[in-house]
Amino acid sequence: MRATILRPGGDVRVESVPDARVEQPRDAVVRVCHAAVCGSDLWRYRDRTPAGPIRPGHEFVGVVEALGPDATGLRVGQVVLAPFAWSDGACEHCLAGLPTSCPAGAVFGDNADGAQAEAVRVRYADANLVPLPMDRDDSRLPAVLTLADVMSTGHHAATCARVAPGATVAVIGDGAVGLCAAAAARRLGAAHVVVLSHHHARGELARRLGADTVVHERGPAAAERVRELTGGRGADAVLECVGTAGSWADALATVRDGGAIGYVGLPHGVALDPAAFFDRNLTLSGGIAPARRYIPHLLPELLSGSLDPSGVFDHRVGLADVADAYRAMHTRTAVKALITP
């Protein structure tokens, strides 16, 4: 089969690799219908991670092609969605709703072959794959695919920041996660959603997904603008969706005293002083999103069309052109690339 191979230095190629196959009793092989390139893939593309080569990709929907004898509740030919990280579904963390802390789990494309490929082996398939009431040509599949990561991650940010009806929310970041976080805040009843965006072309998409206001200023000027919009108070909830020192500075500058920050941007180069939270009674919560926990709650709304984050996919390629997808996201000419093997 064909799969994407990513080597240090931004070398992306599609090569022939051994076919995905069932290796353990709870395994499944899924033929990929749609996959995606994630912002976290770009860190390796930009050679910030020295290890390689790897087979990237942790977002996919597809059709079950083969099942191990203990992969119950699934059938060959079924269209399924996978969360970006698998878990065994039985450990104390899984049972507590935190499958991303499962000792037997990992992220597709990190410690296993990734999903930017024609097929993928899924471990503990019965605990991870979510059957979908649709066929492989359903036009809603790109929207459903967002639940694998970016929509679930945006929802995690909003949940951790305690977004409630009537809240004023500031979203830091206009990537796919930030845009989905705006949609999540709107879904939870926020009265005013402000997105801090450095890219003017993404403003209209942010508004379509739930933002009332898009702030294009940077640094202190952006925080000042948010405070103007909130009567000088600052936002009740801030959703930090980038993970840089600058985005954290913006988050702390825009949140009101007594407010909450939900963070889902992978931190890099960030040093935080606990006194900044102590003195202002700020709540900080977040981390890697337990997507498998959120999928059942969000899926009905995507199936009905009442929630549709598919607009984050503004660049679509076949598997053979996956290198173009990486380039487009790297140069910010695309928000998120959809791959159709």
C-alpha atoms as a PDB file:
ATOM      1  CA  MET A   1       0.000   0.000   0.000  1.00  0.00           C
ATOM      2  CA  ARG A   2       1.007   3.657  -0.245  1.00  0.00           C
ATOM      3  CA  ALA A   3       1.763   5.862   2.759  1.00  0.00           C
ATOM      4  CA  THR A   4       3.279   9.254   3.523  1.00  0.00           C
ATOM      5  CA  ILE A   5       6.873   9.208   4.767  1.00  0.00           C
ATOM      6  CA  LEU A   6       8.190  12.306   6.537  1.00  0.00           C
ATOM      7  CA  ARG A   7      11.936  12.742   6.995  1.00  0.00           C
ATOM      8  CA  PRO A   8      13.861  15.539   8.741  1.00  0.00           C
ATOM      9  CA  GLY A   9      14.251  18.687   6.722  1.00  0.00           C
ATOM     10  CA  GLY A  10      10.716  18.759   5.353  1.00  0.00           C
ATOM     11  CA  ASP A  11      11.180  15.793   3.021  1.00  0.00           C
ATOM     12  CA  VAL A  12       7.641  14.453   2.405  1.00  0.00           C
ATOM     13  CA  ARG A  13       7.091  11.562   0.016  1.00  0.00           C
ATOM     14  CA  VAL A  14       4.491   8.905  -0.724  1.00  0.00           C
ATOM     15  CA  GLU A  15       6.098   5.477  -0.850  1.00  0.00           C
ATOM     16  CA  SER A  16       5.142   1.811  -0.921  1.00  0.00           C
ATOM     17  CA  VAL A  17       5.074   0.209   2.531  1.00  0.00           C
ATOM     18  CA  PRO A  18       3.892  -3.177   3.847  1.00  0.00           C
ATOM     19  CA  ASP A  19       0.116  -3.541   3.898  1.00  0.00           C
ATOM     20  CA  ALA A  20      -1.640  -2.794   7.186  1.00  0.00           C
ATOM     21  CA  ARG A  21      -2.756  -6.050   8.789  1.00  0.00           C
ATOM     22  CA  VAL A  22      -4.387  -7.467  11.898  1.00  0.00           C
ATOM     23  CA  GLU A  23      -1.689  -8.383  14.417  1.00  0.00           C
ATOM     24  CA  GLN A  24      -3.584  -8.657  17.724  1.00  0.00           C
ATOM     25  CA  PRO A  25      -7.067 -10.025  18.564  1.00  0.00           C
ATOM     26  CA  ARG A  26      -8.587  -6.562  19.111  1.00  0.00           C
ATOM     27  CA  ASP A  27      -7.076  -5.020  15.958  1.00  0.00           C
ATOM     28  CA  ALA A  28      -8.849  -3.705  12.902  1.00  0.00           C
ATOM     29  CA  VAL A  29      -7.586  -2.621   9.510  1.00  0.00           C
ATOM     30  CA  VAL A  30      -9.329   0.496   8.218  1.00  0.00           C
ATOM     31  CA  ARG A  31      -9.217   1.560   4.567  1.00  0.00           C
ATOM     32  CA  VAL A  32      -8.865   5.353   4.756  1.00  0.00           C
ATOM     33  CA  CYS A  33     -11.496   7.536   3.052  1.00  0.00           C
ATOM     34  CA  HIS A  34     -10.329  10.883   4.405  1.00  0.00           C
ATOM     35  CA  ALA A  35      -7.258  11.913   6.387  1.00  0.00           C
ATOM     36  CA  ALA A  36      -5.747  15.274   7.268  1.00  0.00           C
ATOM     37  CA  VAL A  37      -2.580  17.190   7.982  1.00  0.00           C
ATOM     38  CA  CYS A  38      -2.490  18.620  11.497  1.00  0.00           C
ATOM     39  CA  GLY A  39      -0.625  21.636  12.810  1.00  0.00           C
ATOM     40  CA  SER A  40       1.361  19.287  15.038  1.00  0.00           C
ATOM     41  CA  ASP A  41       2.599  17.486  11.900  1.00  0.00           C
ATOM     42  CA  LEU A  42       4.164  20.768  10.825  1.00  0.00           C
ATOM     43  CA  TRP A  43       6.557  20.777  13.782  1.00  0.00           C
ATOM     44  CA  ARG A  44       8.186  17.660  12.386  1.00  0.00           C
ATOM     45  CA  TYR A  45       7.960  19.034   8.859  1.00  0.00           C
ATOM     46  CA  ARG A  46       9.896  22.083  10.018  1.00  0.00           C
ATOM     47  CA  ASP A  47      12.472  19.713  11.539  1.00  0.00           C
ATOM     48  CA  ARG A  48      11.901  20.771  15.133  1.00  0.00           C
ATOM     49  CA  THR A  49      11.816  17.072  15.998  1.00  0.00           C
ATOM     50  CA  PRO A  50      15.078  15.384  14.968  1.00  0.00           C
ATOM     51  CA  ALA A  51      13.761  11.806  14.866  1.00  0.00           C
ATOM     52  CA  GLY A  52      12.766  10.289  11.555  1.00  0.00           C
ATOM     53  CA  PRO A  53      11.675   8.985   9.188  1.00  0.00           C
ATOM     54  CA  ILE A  54       8.106   8.607  10.409  1.00  0.00           C
ATOM     55  CA  ARG A  55       4.713   7.818   8.905  1.00  0.00           C
ATOM     56  CA  PRO A  56       2.560  10.755  10.045  1.00  0.00           C
ATOM     57  CA  GLY A  57      -1.160  11.338  10.373  1.00  0.00           C
ATOM     58  CA  HIS A  58      -3.564  10.920  13.284  1.00  0.00           C
ATOM     59  CA  GLU A  59      -6.925  12.006  11.818  1.00  0.00           C
ATOM     60  CA  PHE A  60      -8.947   9.634   9.642  1.00  0.00           C
ATOM     61  CA  VAL A  61     -12.305   8.181   8.750  1.00  0.00           C
ATOM     62  CA  GLY A  62     -12.560   5.011   6.729  1.00  0.00           C
ATOM     63  CA  VAL A  63     -14.092   1.622   6.098  1.00  0.00           C
ATOM     64  CA  VAL A  64     -13.367  -1.455   8.209  1.00  0.00           C
ATOM     65  CA  GLU A  65     -11.517  -3.932   6.006  1.00  0.00           C
ATOM     66  CA  ALA A  66     -10.484  -6.622   8.504  1.00  0.00           C
ATOM     67  CA  LEU A  67     -11.124  -7.431  12.167  1.00  0.00           C
ATOM     68  CA  GLY A  68      -9.417  -9.461  14.846  1.00  0.00           C
ATOM     69  CA  PRO A  69     -11.565 -12.053  16.668  1.00  0.00           C
ATOM     70  CA  ASP A  70     -11.972  -9.875  19.780  1.00  0.00           C
ATOM     71  CA  ALA A  71     -12.801  -6.595  17.998  1.00  0.00           C
ATOM     72  CA  THR A  72     -16.457  -6.818  19.002  1.00  0.00           C
ATOM     73  CA  GLY A  73     -19.193  -4.355  18.081  1.00  0.00           C
ATOM     74  CA  LEU A  74     -17.751  -3.730  14.623  1.00  0.00           C
ATOM     75  CA  ARG A  75     -18.236  -5.305  11.215  1.00  0.00           C
ATOM     76  CA  VAL A  76     -16.337  -5.377   7.959  1.00  0.00           C
ATOM     77  CA  GLY A  77     -17.637  -2.736   5.549  1.00  0.00           C
ATOM     78  CA  GLN A  78     -18.647  -0.318   8.295  1.00  0.00           C
ATOM     79  CA  VAL A  79     -17.674   3.363   8.020  1.00  0.00           C
ATOM     80  CA  VAL A  80     -15.864   4.424  11.191  1.00  0.00           C
ATOM     81  CA  LEU A  81     -14.168   7.382  12.849  1.00  0.00           C
ATOM     82  CA  ALA A  82     -11.080   7.093  15.047  1.00  0.00           C
ATOM     83  CA  PRO A  83      -9.861   9.534  17.695  1.00  0.00           C
ATOM     84  CA  PHE A  84      -6.305  10.784  17.187  1.00  0.00           C
ATOM     85  CA  ALA A  85      -5.055   8.630  20.072  1.00  0.00           C
ATOM     86  CA  TRP A  86      -5.985   5.049  20.811  1.00  0.00           C
ATOM     87  CA  SER A  87      -6.525   3.531  24.277  1.00  0.00           C
ATOM     88  CA  ASP A  88      -7.479   0.132  25.644  1.00  0.00           C
ATOM     89  CA  GLY A  89     -10.821   1.318  27.043  1.00  0.00           C
ATOM     90  CA  ALA A  90     -10.346  -0.620  30.281  1.00  0.00           C
ATOM     91  CA  CYS A  91      -7.697   1.052  32.437  1.00  0.00           C
ATOM     92  CA  GLU A  92      -8.526   3.417  35.297  1.00  0.00           C
ATOM     93  CA  HIS A  93      -7.821   6.451  33.140  1.00  0.00           C
ATOM     94  CA  CYS A  94     -10.084   5.257  30.316  1.00  0.00           C
ATOM     95  CA  LEU A  95     -12.869   4.496  32.779  1.00  0.00           C
ATOM     96  CA  ALA A  96     -12.442   7.977  34.282  1.00  0.00           C
ATOM     97  CA  GLY A  97     -12.850   9.630  30.865  1.00  0.00           C
ATOM     98  CA  LEU A  98      -9.180  10.370  30.241  1.00  0.00           C
ATOM     99  CA  PRO A  99      -8.203   7.871  27.529  1.00  0.00           C
ATOM    100  CA  THR A 100      -5.196   9.958  26.471  1.00  0.00           C
ATOM    101  CA  SER A 101      -3.521   8.892  29.738  1.00  0.00           C
ATOM    102  CA  CYS A 102      -3.994   5.184  29.035  1.00  0.00           C
ATOM    103  CA  PRO A 103      -0.671   3.341  29.606  1.00  0.00           C
ATOM    104  CA  ALA A 104      -1.429   1.103  26.620  1.00  0.00           C
ATOM    105  CA  GLY A 105      -2.313   4.015  24.350  1.00  0.00           C
ATOM    106  CA  ALA A 106      -0.496   6.338  21.982  1.00  0.00           C
ATOM    107  CA  VAL A 107      -1.098   8.749  19.108  1.00  0.00           C
ATOM    108  CA  PHE A 108      -1.385   7.491  15.544  1.00  0.00           C
ATOM    109  CA  GLY A 109       1.740   8.525  13.664  1.00  0.00           C
ATOM    110  CA  ASP A 110       3.856   8.859  16.812  1.00  0.00           C
ATOM    111  CA  ASN A 111       4.499   5.372  18.113  1.00  0.00           C
ATOM    112  CA  ALA A 112       2.752   3.633  15.238  1.00  0.00           C
ATOM    113  CA  ASP A 113       2.118   3.984  11.539  1.00  0.00           C
ATOM    114  CA  GLY A 114       0.077   7.056  10.673  1.00  0.00           C
ATOM    115  CA  ALA A 115      -3.136   7.632   8.777  1.00  0.00           C
ATOM    116  CA  GLN A 116      -1.862   9.667   5.825  1.00  0.00           C
ATOM    117  CA  ALA A 117      -1.979   6.389   3.973  1.00  0.00           C
ATOM    118  CA  GLU A 118      -4.269   4.057   2.090  1.00  0.00           C
ATOM    119  CA  ALA A 119      -4.975   2.010   5.226  1.00  0.00           C
ATOM    120  CA  VAL A 120      -4.110   1.920   8.906  1.00  0.00           C
ATOM    121  CA  ARG A 121      -3.934  -0.682  11.636  1.00  0.00           C
ATOM    122  CA  VAL A 122      -6.063   0.284  14.639  1.00  0.00           C
ATOM    123  CA  ARG A 123      -5.208  -1.218  18.003  1.00  0.00           C
ATOM    124  CA  TYR A 124      -8.022  -1.896  20.520  1.00  0.00           C
ATOM    125  CA  ALA A 125     -10.452  -1.195  17.706  1.00  0.00           C
ATOM    126  CA  ASP A 126     -13.512  -2.076  19.791  1.00  0.00           C
ATOM    127  CA  ALA A 127     -12.633   0.679  22.280  1.00  0.00           C
ATOM    128  CA  ASN A 128     -11.686   3.338  19.761  1.00  0.00           C
ATOM    129  CA  LEU A 129     -13.503   3.091  16.439  1.00  0.00           C
ATOM    130  CA  VAL A 130     -16.883   4.840  16.337  1.00  0.00           C
ATOM    131  CA  PRO A 131     -19.344   3.406  13.785  1.00  0.00           C
ATOM    132  CA  LEU A 132     -20.964   6.050  11.591  1.00  0.00           C
ATOM    133  CA  PRO A 133     -24.467   5.893  10.067  1.00  0.00           C
ATOM    134  CA  MET A 134     -23.277   6.851   6.591  1.00  0.00           C
ATOM    135  CA  ASP A 135     -21.480   5.475   3.591  1.00  0.00           C
ATOM    136  CA  ARG A 136     -18.003   6.357   2.389  1.00  0.00           C
ATOM    137  CA  ASP A 137     -19.304   8.962  -0.095  1.00  0.00           C
ATOM    138  CA  ASP A 138     -21.357  10.942   2.420  1.00  0.00           C
ATOM    139  CA  SER A 139     -20.736  14.676   2.095  1.00  0.00           C
ATOM    140  CA  ARG A 140     -20.691  15.034   5.888  1.00  0.00           C
ATOM    141  CA  LEU A 141     -17.541  12.973   6.346  1.00  0.00           C
ATOM    142  CA  PRO A 142     -15.142  15.975   6.347  1.00  0.00           C
ATOM    143  CA  ALA A 143     -17.174  17.568   9.157  1.00  0.00           C
ATOM    144  CA  VAL A 144     -17.160  14.304  11.105  1.00  0.00           C
ATOM    145  CA  LEU A 145     -13.411  13.976  10.570  1.00  0.00           C
ATOM    146  CA  THR A 146     -12.853  17.132  12.639  1.00  0.00           C
ATOM    147  CA  LEU A 147     -13.961  15.139  15.688  1.00  0.00           C
ATOM    148  CA  ALA A 148     -10.827  13.024  15.385  1.00  0.00           C
ATOM    149  CA  ASP A 149      -8.844  15.993  16.678  1.00  0.00           C
ATOM    150  CA  VAL A 150      -9.463  19.679  15.963  1.00  0.00           C
ATOM    151  CA  MET A 151     -13.152  19.978  16.892  1.00  0.00           C
ATOM    152  CA  SER A 152     -12.714  17.783  19.953  1.00  0.00           C
ATOM    153  CA  THR A 153      -9.633  19.794  20.902  1.00  0.00           C
ATOM    154  CA  GLY A 154     -11.444  23.112  20.478  1.00  0.00           C
ATOM    155  CA  HIS A 155     -14.280  21.738  22.610  1.00  0.00           C
ATOM    156  CA  HIS A 156     -11.741  20.685  25.238  1.00  0.00           C
ATOM    157  CA  ALA A 157     -10.409  24.237  25.397  1.00  0.00           C
ATOM    158  CA  ALA A 158     -13.902  25.646  25.859  1.00  0.00           C
ATOM    159  CA  THR A 159     -14.835  23.055  28.470  1.00  0.00           C
ATOM    160  CA  CYS A 160     -11.628  23.570  30.442  1.00  0.00           C
ATOM    161  CA  ALA A 161     -12.174  27.336  30.399  1.00  0.00           C
ATOM    162  CA  ARG A 162     -15.671  26.829  31.841  1.00  0.00           C
ATOM    163  CA  VAL A 163     -17.446  28.547  28.964  1.00  0.00           C
ATOM    164  CA  ALA A 164     -21.072  29.018  30.020  1.00  0.00           C
ATOM    165  CA  PRO A 165     -24.145  30.717  28.551  1.00  0.00           C
ATOM    166  CA  GLY A 166     -23.667  34.480  28.473  1.00  0.00           C
ATOM    167  CA  ALA A 167     -19.863  34.345  28.749  1.00  0.00           C
ATOM    168  CA  THR A 168     -17.454  36.558  26.881  1.00  0.00           C
ATOM    169  CA  VAL A 169     -14.775  34.382  25.280  1.00  0.00           C
ATOM    170  CA  ALA A 170     -11.445  35.252  23.672  1.00  0.00           C
ATOM    171  CA  VAL A 171      -9.839  32.666  21.389  1.00  0.00           C
ATOM    172  CA  ILE A 172      -6.089  32.940  20.892  1.00  0.00           C
ATOM    173  CA  GLY A 173      -5.204  31.528  17.481  1.00  0.00           C
ATOM    174  CA  ASP A 174      -6.831  31.223  14.066  1.00  0.00           C
ATOM    175  CA  GLY A 175      -5.610  27.778  13.074  1.00  0.00           C
ATOM    176  CA  ALA A 176      -8.033  24.886  12.746  1.00  0.00           C
ATOM    177  CA  VAL A 177      -8.129  24.321  16.511  1.00  0.00           C
ATOM    178  CA  GLY A 178      -8.729  27.991  17.270  1.00  0.00           C
ATOM    179  CA  LEU A 179     -11.499  28.195  14.690  1.00  0.00           C
ATOM    180  CA  CYS A 180     -13.121  25.065  16.124  1.00  0.00           C
ATOM    181  CA  ALA A 181     -12.726  26.519  19.613  1.00  0.00           C
ATOM    182  CA  ALA A 182     -14.778  29.515  18.481  1.00  0.00           C
ATOM    183  CA  ALA A 183     -17.464  27.111  17.261  1.00  0.00           C
ATOM    184  CA  ALA A 184     -17.320  25.248  20.561  1.00  0.00           C
ATOM    185  CA  ALA A 185     -17.712  28.446  22.577  1.00  0.00           C
ATOM    186  CA  ARG A 186     -20.719  29.446  20.503  1.00  0.00           C
ATOM    187  CA  ARG A 187     -22.175  25.957  20.939  1.00  0.00           C
ATOM    188  CA  LEU A 188     -21.874  26.304  24.729  1.00  0.00           C
ATOM    189  CA  GLY A 189     -23.814  29.562  24.714  1.00  0.00           C
ATOM    190  CA  ALA A 190     -21.138  32.244  24.783  1.00  0.00           C
ATOM    191  CA  ALA A 191     -22.641  35.698  24.288  1.00  0.00           C
ATOM    192  CA  HIS A 192     -19.579  37.248  22.627  1.00  0.00           C
ATOM    193  CA  VAL A 193     -16.759  35.331  20.955  1.00  0.00           C
ATOM    194  CA  VAL A 194     -13.611  37.229  20.007  1.00  0.00           C
ATOM    195  CA  VAL A 195     -10.906  35.562  17.887  1.00  0.00           C
ATOM    196  CA  LEU A 196      -7.371  36.961  17.890  1.00  0.00           C
ATOM    197  CA  SER A 197      -6.101  36.385  14.359  1.00  0.00           C
ATOM    198  CA  HIS A 198      -2.877  37.345  12.625  1.00  0.00           C
ATOM    199  CA  HIS A 199      -4.200  36.439   9.182  1.00  0.00           C
ATOM    200  CA  HIS A 200      -6.896  38.658   7.707  1.00  0.00           C
ATOM    201  CA  ALA A 201      -8.042  36.026   5.224  1.00  0.00           C
ATOM    202  CA  ARG A 202      -9.201  33.783   8.057  1.00  0.00           C
ATOM    203  CA  GLY A 203     -11.474  36.382   9.620  1.00  0.00           C
ATOM    204  CA  GLU A 204     -14.534  35.517   7.560  1.00  0.00           C
ATOM    205  CA  LEU A 205     -14.122  31.811   8.304  1.00  0.00           C
ATOM    206  CA  ALA A 206     -13.831  32.621  12.007  1.00  0.00           C
ATOM    207  CA  ARG A 207     -17.121  34.529  11.813  1.00  0.00           C
ATOM    208  CA  ARG A 208     -18.845  31.680   9.985  1.00  0.00           C
ATOM    209  CA  LEU A 209     -17.760  29.280  12.712  1.00  0.00           C
ATOM    210  CA  GLY A 210     -18.934  31.388  15.636  1.00  0.00           C
ATOM    211  CA  ALA A 211     -16.852  34.523  16.153  1.00  0.00           C
ATOM    212  CA  ASP A 212     -18.604  37.846  16.654  1.00  0.00           C
ATOM    213  CA  THR A 213     -15.421  39.903  16.429  1.00  0.00           C
ATOM    214  CA  VAL A 214     -12.004  39.279  14.901  1.00  0.00           C
ATOM    215  CA  VAL A 215      -9.073  41.227  16.353  1.00  0.00           C
ATOM    216  CA  HIS A 216      -6.080  41.566  14.042  1.00  0.00           C
ATOM    217  CA  GLU A 217      -3.868  43.643  16.329  1.00  0.00           C
ATOM    218  CA  ARG A 218      -0.895  41.903  17.922  1.00  0.00           C
ATOM    219  CA  GLY A 219       0.566  41.805  21.428  1.00  0.00           C
ATOM    220  CA  PRO A 220      -0.498  44.491  23.911  1.00  0.00           C
ATOM    221  CA  ALA A 221      -2.624  46.201  21.262  1.00  0.00           C
ATOM    222  CA  ALA A 222      -4.689  43.027  20.864  1.00  0.00           C
ATOM    223  CA  ALA A 223      -5.233  42.735  24.607  1.00  0.00           C
ATOM    224  CA  GLU A 224      -6.216  46.388  24.780  1.00  0.00           C
ATOM    225  CA  ARG A 225      -8.752  45.849  22.003  1.00  0.00           C
ATOM    226  CA  VAL A 226     -10.288  42.864  23.817  1.00  0.00           C
ATOM    227  CA  ARG A 227     -10.616  44.928  26.969  1.00  0.00           C
ATOM    228  CA  GLU A 228     -12.309  47.694  25.019  1.00  0.00           C
ATOM    229  CA  LEU A 229     -14.790  45.142  23.695  1.00  0.00           C
ATOM    230  CA  THR A 230     -15.495  43.870  27.222  1.00  0.00           C
ATOM    231  CA  GLY A 231     -15.940  47.189  28.973  1.00  0.00           C
ATOM    232  CA  GLY A 232     -12.456  47.077  30.452  1.00  0.00           C
ATOM    233  CA  ARG A 233     -12.975  43.772  32.272  1.00  0.00           C
ATOM    234  CA  GLY A 234     -11.326  41.290  29.967  1.00  0.00           C
ATOM    235  CA  ALA A 235     -12.766  37.972  28.809  1.00  0.00           C
ATOM    236  CA  ASP A 236     -14.487  35.568  31.179  1.00  0.00           C
ATOM    237  CA  ALA A 237     -12.803  32.679  29.388  1.00  0.00           C
ATOM    238  CA  VAL A 238      -9.719  32.543  27.180  1.00  0.00           C
ATOM    239  CA  LEU A 239      -9.056  29.593  24.891  1.00  0.00           C
ATOM    240  CA  GLU A 240      -5.307  29.325  24.225  1.00  0.00           C
ATOM    241  CA  CYS A 241      -4.876  27.364  20.987  1.00  0.00           C
ATOM    242  CA  VAL A 242      -1.307  28.117  19.895  1.00  0.00           C
ATOM    243  CA  GLY A 243       1.206  27.294  22.637  1.00  0.00           C
ATOM    244  CA  THR A 244       3.868  29.995  22.124  1.00  0.00           C
ATOM    245  CA  ALA A 245       5.211  32.493  24.622  1.00  0.00           C
ATOM    246  CA  GLY A 246       3.438  35.251  22.719  1.00  0.00           C
ATOM    247  CA  SER A 247       0.068  33.494  22.740  1.00  0.00           C
ATOM    248  CA  TRP A 248       0.346  32.891  26.473  1.00  0.00           C
ATOM    249  CA  ALA A 249       1.168  36.558  27.034  1.00  0.00           C
ATOM    250  CA  ASP A 250      -1.976  37.434  25.061  1.00  0.00           C
ATOM    251  CA  ALA A 251      -4.037  34.977  27.096  1.00  0.00           C
ATOM    252  CA  LEU A 252      -2.921  36.424  30.421  1.00  0.00           C
ATOM    253  CA  ALA A 253      -3.429  39.968  29.180  1.00  0.00           C
ATOM    254  CA  THR A 254      -6.981  39.355  27.933  1.00  0.00           C
ATOM    255  CA  VAL A 255      -8.505  37.236  30.719  1.00  0.00           C
ATOM    256  CA  ARG A 256     -10.387  39.035  33.489  1.00  0.00           C
ATOM    257  CA  ASP A 257      -9.484  38.585  37.146  1.00  0.00           C
ATOM    258  CA  GLY A 258     -11.299  35.496  38.382  1.00  0.00           C
ATOM    259  CA  GLY A 259     -11.552  34.172  34.818  1.00  0.00           C
ATOM    260  CA  ALA A 260     -10.311  30.916  33.307  1.00  0.00           C
ATOM    261  CA  ILE A 261      -7.839  29.887  30.632  1.00  0.00           C
ATOM    262  CA  GLY A 262      -8.344  26.637  28.753  1.00  0.00           C
ATOM    263  CA  TYR A 263      -5.139  25.680  26.982  1.00  0.00           C
ATOM    264  CA  VAL A 264      -4.766  23.141  24.197  1.00  0.00           C
ATOM    265  CA  GLY A 265      -1.873  24.580  22.186  1.00  0.00           C
ATOM    266  CA  LEU A 266       1.180  22.342  22.572  1.00  0.00           C
ATOM    267  CA  PRO A 267       3.481  24.525  24.720  1.00  0.00           C
ATOM    268  CA  HIS A 268       6.883  25.372  23.295  1.00  0.00           C
ATOM    269  CA  GLY A 269       9.171  28.039  24.703  1.00  0.00           C
ATOM    270  CA  VAL A 270       6.663  28.963  27.424  1.00  0.00           C
ATOM    271  CA  ALA A 271       7.658  29.800  31.010  1.00  0.00           C
ATOM    272  CA  LEU A 272       4.810  30.639  33.390  1.00  0.00           C
ATOM    273  CA  ASP A 273       4.990  32.266  36.816  1.00  0.00           C
ATOM    274  CA  PRO A 274       2.392  30.763  39.194  1.00  0.00           C
ATOM    275  CA  ALA A 275       2.118  34.157  40.877  1.00  0.00           C
ATOM    276  CA  ALA A 276       0.427  35.482  37.734  1.00  0.00           C
ATOM    277  CA  PHE A 277      -2.445  33.097  38.440  1.00  0.00           C
ATOM    278  CA  PHE A 278      -2.362  33.344  42.238  1.00  0.00           C
ATOM    279  CA  ASP A 279      -2.584  37.121  42.429  1.00  0.00           C
ATOM    280  CA  ARG A 280      -5.539  37.294  40.029  1.00  0.00           C
ATOM    281  CA  ASN A 281      -7.429  34.159  41.089  1.00  0.00           C
ATOM    282  CA  LEU A 282      -7.190  32.696  37.602  1.00  0.00           C
ATOM    283  CA  THR A 283      -8.149  29.137  36.760  1.00  0.00           C
ATOM    284  CA  LEU A 284      -5.888  27.209  34.394  1.00  0.00           C
ATOM    285  CA  SER A 285      -6.962  23.918  32.879  1.00  0.00           C
ATOM    286  CA  GLY A 286      -6.259  22.040  29.687  1.00  0.00           C
ATOM    287  CA  GLY A 287      -3.894  19.683  27.940  1.00  0.00           C
ATOM    288  CA  ILE A 288      -4.233  16.984  25.328  1.00  0.00           C
ATOM    289  CA  ALA A 289      -7.895  16.491  24.449  1.00  0.00           C
ATOM    290  CA  PRO A 290      -9.633  13.204  25.342  1.00  0.00           C
ATOM    291  CA  ALA A 291     -11.275  13.079  21.918  1.00  0.00           C
ATOM    292  CA  ARG A 292     -12.748   9.599  22.363  1.00  0.00           C
ATOM    293  CA  ARG A 293     -14.729  10.893  25.347  1.00  0.00           C
ATOM    294  CA  TYR A 294     -16.148  13.848  23.434  1.00  0.00           C
ATOM    295  CA  ILE A 295     -17.000  12.180  20.115  1.00  0.00           C
ATOM    296  CA  PRO A 296     -20.330  10.614  21.232  1.00  0.00           C
ATOM    297  CA  HIS A 297     -21.541  13.967  22.595  1.00  0.00           C
ATOM    298  CA  LEU A 298     -20.617  16.022  19.538  1.00  0.00           C
ATOM    299  CA  LEU A 299     -21.312  13.537  16.744  1.00  0.00           C
ATOM    300  CA  PRO A 300     -25.133  13.917  16.676  1.00  0.00           C
ATOM    301  CA  GLU A 301     -24.786  17.656  16.043  1.00  0.00           C
ATOM    302  CA  LEU A 302     -22.420  17.104  13.118  1.00  0.00           C
ATOM    303  CA  LEU A 303     -24.725  14.479  11.657  1.00  0.00           C
ATOM    304  CA  SER A 304     -27.693  16.845  11.923  1.00  0.00           C
ATOM    305  CA  GLY A 305     -25.748  19.783  10.492  1.00  0.00           C
ATOM    306  CA  SER A 306     -26.328  21.999  13.526  1.00  0.00           C
ATOM    307  CA  LEU A 307     -22.553  22.010  14.021  1.00  0.00           C
ATOM    308  CA  ASP A 308     -20.408  22.090  10.892  1.00  0.00           C
ATOM    309  CA  PRO A 309     -16.664  22.798  11.268  1.00  0.00           C
ATOM    310  CA  SER A 310     -15.827  21.380   7.836  1.00  0.00           C
ATOM    311  CA  GLY A 311     -14.896  24.887   6.653  1.00  0.00           C
ATOM    312  CA  VAL A 312     -11.476  24.479   8.277  1.00  0.00           C
ATOM    313  CA  PHE A 313     -10.617  22.190   5.351  1.00  0.00           C
ATOM    314  CA  ASP A 314      -9.734  24.788   2.752  1.00  0.00           C
ATOM    315  CA  HIS A 315      -7.174  22.723   0.855  1.00  0.00           C
ATOM    316  CA  ARG A 316      -7.923  19.279  -0.597  1.00  0.00           C
ATOM    317  CA  VAL A 317      -5.452  16.914  -2.216  1.00  0.00           C
ATOM    318  CA  GLY A 318      -5.070  13.293  -3.182  1.00  0.00           C
ATOM    319  CA  LEU A 319      -2.528  11.198  -1.334  1.00  0.00           C
ATOM    320  CA  ALA A 320      -0.014  11.557  -4.172  1.00  0.00           C
ATOM    321  CA  ASP A 321       0.034  15.336  -3.597  1.00  0.00           C
ATOM    322  CA  VAL A 322       0.417  15.276   0.171  1.00  0.00           C
ATOM    323  CA  ALA A 323       3.702  17.230  -0.019  1.00  0.00           C
ATOM    324  CA  ASP A 324       1.715  20.122  -1.502  1.00  0.00           C
ATOM    325  CA  ALA A 325      -0.611  19.981   1.507  1.00  0.00           C
ATOM    326  CA  TYR A 326       2.322  20.349   3.901  1.00  0.00           C
ATOM    327  CA  ARG A 327       3.722  23.274   1.915  1.00  0.00           C
ATOM    328  CA  ALA A 328       0.363  25.044   1.853  1.00  0.00           C
ATOM    329  CA  MET A 329      -0.068  24.793   5.608  1.00  0.00           C
ATOM    330  CA  HIS A 330       3.542  25.717   6.280  1.00  0.00           C
ATOM    331  CA  THR A 331       3.220  28.910   4.210  1.00  0.00           C
ATOM    332  CA  ARG A 332      -0.167  29.744   5.783  1.00  0.00           C
ATOM    333  CA  THR A 333      -1.940  29.621   2.448  1.00  0.00           C
ATOM    334  CA  ALA A 334      -4.148  26.866   3.886  1.00  0.00           C
ATOM    335  CA  VAL A 335      -5.744  26.436   7.289  1.00  0.00           C
ATOM    336  CA  LYS A 336      -6.016  22.666   7.116  1.00  0.00           C
ATOM    337  CA  ALA A 337      -5.525  20.118   4.361  1.00  0.00           C
ATOM    338  CA  LEU A 338      -7.895  17.241   3.664  1.00  0.00           C
ATOM    339  CA  ILE A 339      -6.394  14.136   2.059  1.00  0.00           C
ATOM    340  CA  THR A 340      -8.405  11.668   0.003  1.00  0.00           C
ATOM    341  CA  PRO A 341      -6.291   8.565  -0.612  1.00  0.00           C
END
